[in-house]
Protein backbone atom coordinates (compact mmCIF):
# COMPACT_ATOMS: atom_id res chain seq x y z
CA MET A 1 -11.23 18.68 -42.00
CA LYS A 2 -11.44 14.90 -41.92
CA GLN A 3 -8.16 13.26 -40.98
CA LYS A 4 -7.13 10.42 -43.23
CA LYS A 5 -5.71 7.23 -41.76
CA VAL A 6 -2.78 5.65 -43.49
CA ASN A 7 -1.74 2.10 -42.69
CA VAL A 8 2.02 2.00 -42.70
CA PRO A 9 3.82 -1.15 -41.57
CA MET A 10 5.83 -0.43 -38.41
CA ASN A 11 9.29 -1.93 -38.13
CA THR A 12 9.89 -0.71 -34.57
CA PHE A 13 7.66 0.44 -31.74
CA ILE A 14 8.85 2.26 -28.60
CA GLY A 15 5.95 1.88 -26.20
CA GLU A 16 4.59 4.13 -23.49
CA GLY A 17 6.73 3.92 -20.35
CA PHE A 18 9.88 2.98 -22.29
CA LYS A 19 12.79 5.44 -22.31
CA PHE A 20 15.67 5.29 -24.81
CA GLU A 21 18.87 7.32 -24.32
CA GLY A 22 21.64 7.60 -26.90
CA GLU A 23 21.84 7.58 -30.70
CA LEU A 24 19.08 5.68 -32.50
CA THR A 25 19.70 4.58 -36.10
CA PHE A 26 16.99 2.72 -38.01
CA ASP A 27 15.55 1.73 -41.39
CA GLY A 28 11.85 1.64 -42.23
CA THR A 29 9.24 3.12 -39.90
CA ILE A 30 9.38 3.65 -36.14
CA ARG A 31 6.57 4.76 -33.85
CA VAL A 32 7.42 6.34 -30.51
CA ASP A 33 4.90 6.47 -27.66
CA GLY A 34 7.58 6.56 -24.94
CA GLU A 35 10.62 8.81 -24.58
CA ILE A 36 13.78 9.28 -26.61
CA ASN A 37 16.66 11.41 -25.37
CA GLY A 38 19.33 11.58 -28.06
CA ARG A 39 19.95 11.77 -31.78
CA VAL A 40 17.70 9.89 -34.23
CA LYS A 41 19.00 9.08 -37.71
CA SER A 42 17.70 7.22 -40.76
CA THR A 43 18.52 7.69 -44.43
CA ASN A 44 14.96 7.36 -45.77
CA GLY A 45 13.05 6.18 -42.70
CA GLU A 46 9.92 7.59 -41.11
CA ILE A 47 9.41 8.43 -37.44
CA VAL A 48 5.96 8.89 -35.91
CA VAL A 49 5.97 10.68 -32.55
CA GLY A 50 2.75 9.60 -30.80
CA GLU A 51 0.53 11.90 -28.71
CA LYS A 52 2.07 10.89 -25.35
CA ALA A 53 5.65 10.69 -26.64
CA VAL A 54 8.50 13.04 -25.74
CA VAL A 55 11.54 13.19 -28.03
CA GLU A 56 14.50 15.37 -27.05
CA GLY A 57 17.29 15.45 -29.61
CA ASP A 58 18.06 16.14 -33.24
CA LEU A 59 16.38 14.13 -36.01
CA GLU A 60 17.81 13.41 -39.45
CA VAL A 61 15.28 11.21 -41.25
CA GLY A 62 13.15 10.93 -44.38
CA LYS A 63 9.73 11.79 -42.93
CA VAL A 64 8.62 13.07 -39.52
CA VAL A 65 5.06 13.00 -38.14
CA VAL A 66 4.63 14.69 -34.74
CA ALA A 67 1.52 14.25 -32.59
CA GLY A 68 3.42 14.51 -29.27
CA THR A 69 6.32 16.67 -28.06
CA LEU A 70 9.60 17.08 -29.91
CA ARG A 71 12.48 19.31 -28.81
CA GLY A 72 15.38 19.49 -31.24
CA MET A 73 16.33 20.21 -34.84
CA ILE A 74 14.51 18.30 -37.56
CA GLN A 75 16.14 17.60 -40.93
CA ALA A 76 13.78 15.64 -43.18
CA SER A 77 14.49 14.69 -46.78
CA THR A 78 10.78 14.23 -47.64
CA CYS A 79 8.43 16.08 -45.27
CA VAL A 80 7.50 17.11 -41.74
CA GLU A 81 3.92 16.98 -40.47
CA ILE A 82 2.93 18.50 -37.13
CA GLN A 83 -0.53 17.27 -36.18
CA LYS A 84 -2.97 19.30 -34.09
CA SER A 85 -1.81 17.69 -30.83
CA GLY A 86 1.87 18.12 -31.78
CA ARG A 87 4.40 20.41 -30.10
CA VAL A 88 7.74 21.17 -31.77
CA GLU A 89 10.49 23.31 -30.24
CA GLY A 90 13.36 23.61 -32.70
CA ASP A 91 14.29 24.37 -36.27
CA ILE A 92 12.93 22.45 -39.26
CA VAL A 93 14.67 21.87 -42.60
CA ALA A 94 12.49 20.01 -45.13
CA PRO A 95 11.08 20.44 -48.65
CA VAL A 96 7.47 20.13 -47.37
CA VAL A 97 6.16 21.20 -43.95
CA THR A 98 2.55 20.80 -42.81
CA ILE A 99 1.32 22.33 -39.54
CA GLU A 100 -2.27 21.54 -38.58
CA SER A 101 -4.48 24.06 -36.83
CA GLY A 102 -3.96 23.72 -33.08
CA ALA A 103 -0.36 22.50 -33.34
CA LEU A 104 2.43 24.46 -31.67
CA PHE A 105 5.72 25.24 -33.41
CA HIS A 106 8.51 27.40 -32.01
CA GLY A 107 11.58 27.72 -34.21
CA ASN A 108 12.71 28.51 -37.73
CA CYS A 109 11.58 26.70 -40.84
CA SER A 110 13.72 26.35 -43.94
CA MET A 111 12.04 24.79 -46.98
CA LYS A 112 14.27 23.65 -49.79
CA ASN A 113 12.80 22.90 -53.20
CA LYS A 114 14.72 20.01 -54.76
CA GLU A 115 14.32 21.30 -58.32
CA SER A 116 15.33 24.93 -57.86
CA LYS A 117 17.47 24.51 -54.75
CA SER A 118 15.98 27.75 -53.48
CA GLU A 119 15.41 28.35 -49.82
CA LYS A 120 12.51 29.96 -47.99
CA THR A 121 12.69 30.83 -44.31
CA VAL A 122 9.57 31.56 -42.31
CA GLU A 123 9.71 32.84 -38.74
CA LEU A 124 6.53 32.42 -36.72
CA PRO A 125 5.89 34.26 -33.44
CA LEU A 126 5.41 32.16 -30.32
CA LYS A 127 2.22 32.79 -28.39
CA LYS A 128 2.79 33.54 -24.71
CA ASN A 129 2.38 30.46 -22.51
CA ALA A 130 2.17 28.24 -25.60
CA LEU A 131 4.45 25.52 -24.24
């Protein structure tokens, strides 16, 4: 499958080697290639967790794209995408969840459809030595 590139203007960039601790609140789009240890919150924002990034804490944002490591609960109002290099340890609540082949996800997933307000929960087994 050919991966499509999307050019999204970045408002904030946390570079490799940079570590942020505490609560991070933002608008727009943020890309993380460093480390975040704490809660991340944005009403409609997007966070991109780069391949070398490590994020430990709960996220409450519009859209989440994970190519690195994320440990914590994800609540996304739009969607969550775990790319093939991504590792997620924690529960996900979002209307749309995409997990590419090769990605690792350990947790529960709750998908809420905005129209019907129904809820689907999918539990996936963790492969031994996956993380």
